[in-house]
Amino acid sequence: QVQLVESGGGLVQPGGSLRLSCAASGFTISVYNMNWYRHAPGKERDVGATITWSGGTINDADSVKGRFTISRDNTKNTVYLQMSSMKPEDTAVYYCKVRLSLRDYWGQGTQVTVSS
C-alpha cells in the first residue's frame, strides 16, 4: 500500500528556515521521481521542486530557486524540502507526490505559515 506522510510544517518568521519531510512506504523512492507541491490560499496547486530517480534536482518554480532544496535519504525512504529565506508568500499547504504506473499518489499535506 502506497503511503506518503508529510511532516515538519509550522509557523516561521519571514527570513526563517524550515525543513519538511515526506516519509514514503509501499514503494522505493530511489526509482521514482518525487515532487513537492504547494497550494496557497486562493491559488492553484503548483509544483515547487522535483528530485529525479537518478538524484537530479529541479526547482520547478522560479519563486523558490536559490531558497528551496529538495533531497532524499534512501535509507529512510524519505524526501526532504529544506526551505530558507522564507517569505509570507511561501505560506501554503505543502504536499509530496509520486507517480506510479500512471497514477498519482499524494500525502495529506503539511501547513506552512510564514508570518511575523
Protein backbone atom coordinates (compact mmCIF):
# COMPACT_ATOMS: atom_id res chain seq x y z
CA GLN A 1 0.00 0.00 0.00
CA VAL A 2 1.49 3.30 -1.14
CA GLN A 3 1.57 5.96 1.54
CA LEU A 4 3.16 9.40 1.81
CA VAL A 5 3.26 11.21 5.13
CA GLU A 6 4.45 14.81 5.31
CA SER A 7 5.67 16.46 8.49
CA GLY A 8 7.65 19.44 9.65
CA GLY A 9 5.28 22.26 8.85
CA GLY A 10 4.50 25.09 11.21
CA LEU A 11 4.80 28.80 11.80
CA VAL A 12 8.03 30.52 10.81
CA GLN A 13 9.03 34.17 10.68
CA PRO A 14 9.99 35.86 7.41
CA GLY A 15 13.62 35.10 6.62
CA GLY A 16 13.50 31.89 8.63
CA SER A 17 14.02 28.27 7.66
CA LEU A 18 12.04 25.08 7.86
CA ARG A 19 12.61 21.50 6.74
CA LEU A 20 9.74 19.35 5.58
CA SER A 21 9.87 15.56 5.47
CA CYS A 22 7.91 13.11 3.36
CA ALA A 23 8.10 9.54 4.61
CA ALA A 24 7.19 7.03 1.92
CA SER A 25 6.05 3.44 2.25
CA GLY A 26 4.86 0.79 -0.16
CA PHE A 27 7.47 1.65 -2.78
CA THR A 28 11.14 2.68 -3.06
CA ILE A 29 11.70 6.39 -3.62
CA SER A 30 15.07 5.91 -5.33
CA VAL A 31 13.48 4.53 -8.50
CA TYR A 32 10.86 7.23 -8.97
CA ASN A 33 10.72 10.96 -9.44
CA MET A 34 9.38 12.65 -6.32
CA ASN A 35 7.76 16.08 -6.22
CA TRP A 36 6.96 18.71 -3.63
CA TYR A 37 3.87 20.76 -4.44
CA ARG A 38 2.30 23.61 -2.60
CA HIS A 39 -1.21 25.02 -2.51
CA ALA A 40 -1.52 28.61 -1.38
CA PRO A 41 -4.84 30.19 -0.42
CA GLY A 42 -6.70 31.43 -3.48
CA LYS A 43 -4.17 29.92 -5.88
CA GLU A 44 -3.83 26.71 -7.82
CA ARG A 45 -1.62 23.96 -6.51
CA ASP A 46 1.74 24.05 -8.27
CA VAL A 47 4.94 22.09 -8.22
CA GLY A 48 7.82 23.55 -6.27
CA ALA A 49 10.63 21.06 -6.64
CA THR A 50 11.43 17.65 -8.08
CA ILE A 51 14.05 15.04 -7.34
CA THR A 52 14.50 12.51 -10.11
CA TRP A 53 15.05 8.79 -9.74
CA SER A 54 18.72 9.37 -10.62
CA GLY A 55 19.12 12.00 -7.92
CA GLY A 56 18.95 15.10 -10.05
CA THR A 57 17.09 18.05 -8.57
CA ILE A 58 14.90 20.62 -10.22
CA ASN A 59 13.45 23.79 -8.74
CA ASP A 60 10.32 23.90 -10.82
CA ALA A 61 9.09 27.23 -9.54
CA ASP A 62 11.16 30.37 -10.18
CA SER A 63 9.92 31.77 -6.90
CA VAL A 64 11.80 29.14 -4.88
CA LYS A 65 15.06 28.94 -6.81
CA GLY A 66 18.03 29.59 -4.58
CA ARG A 67 15.90 29.23 -1.46
CA PHE A 68 14.43 25.72 -1.50
CA THR A 69 16.40 22.48 -1.79
CA ILE A 70 14.92 19.05 -2.32
CA SER A 71 16.83 15.97 -1.21
CA ARG A 72 16.26 12.39 -0.18
CA ASP A 73 17.58 9.74 2.17
CA ASN A 74 17.19 6.37 0.51
CA THR A 75 17.97 4.51 3.73
CA LYS A 76 14.97 6.17 5.36
CA ASN A 77 12.86 6.19 2.18
CA THR A 78 12.22 9.86 2.89
CA VAL A 79 12.25 13.01 0.79
CA TYR A 80 13.00 16.42 2.27
CA LEU A 81 12.38 20.02 1.36
CA GLN A 82 14.75 22.48 3.01
CA MET A 83 13.30 25.97 2.85
CA SER A 84 15.27 29.08 3.71
CA SER A 85 14.89 32.86 3.39
CA MET A 86 11.22 32.25 3.65
CA LYS A 87 8.65 34.82 2.61
CA PRO A 88 4.99 35.35 3.52
CA GLU A 89 4.07 34.22 0.01
CA ASP A 90 5.51 30.79 0.83
CA THR A 91 2.51 30.26 3.09
CA ALA A 92 0.72 27.19 1.78
CA VAL A 93 -0.09 23.57 2.37
CA TYR A 94 2.85 21.52 1.12
CA TYR A 95 2.36 18.08 -0.39
CA CYS A 96 4.67 15.42 -1.71
CA LYS A 97 3.66 13.36 -4.69
CA VAL A 98 4.78 10.33 -6.64
CA ARG A 99 3.50 8.89 -9.90
CA LEU A 100 3.42 5.12 -10.00
CA SER A 101 2.07 3.28 -13.05
CA LEU A 102 0.41 6.45 -14.34
CA ARG A 103 -1.38 7.07 -11.04
CA ASP A 104 -0.56 9.98 -8.75
CA TYR A 105 -0.28 9.42 -5.00
CA TRP A 106 -0.39 12.36 -2.61
CA GLY A 107 0.27 12.83 1.05
CA GLN A 108 -2.16 14.58 3.36
CA GLY A 109 -0.15 17.79 3.32
CA THR A 110 1.52 19.90 5.98
CA GLN A 111 0.68 23.55 6.65
CA VAL A 112 3.45 26.12 6.45
CA THR A 113 2.74 29.66 7.58
CA VAL A 114 5.27 32.47 7.19
CA SER A 115 4.32 35.40 9.35
CA SER A 116 5.76 37.75 11.93
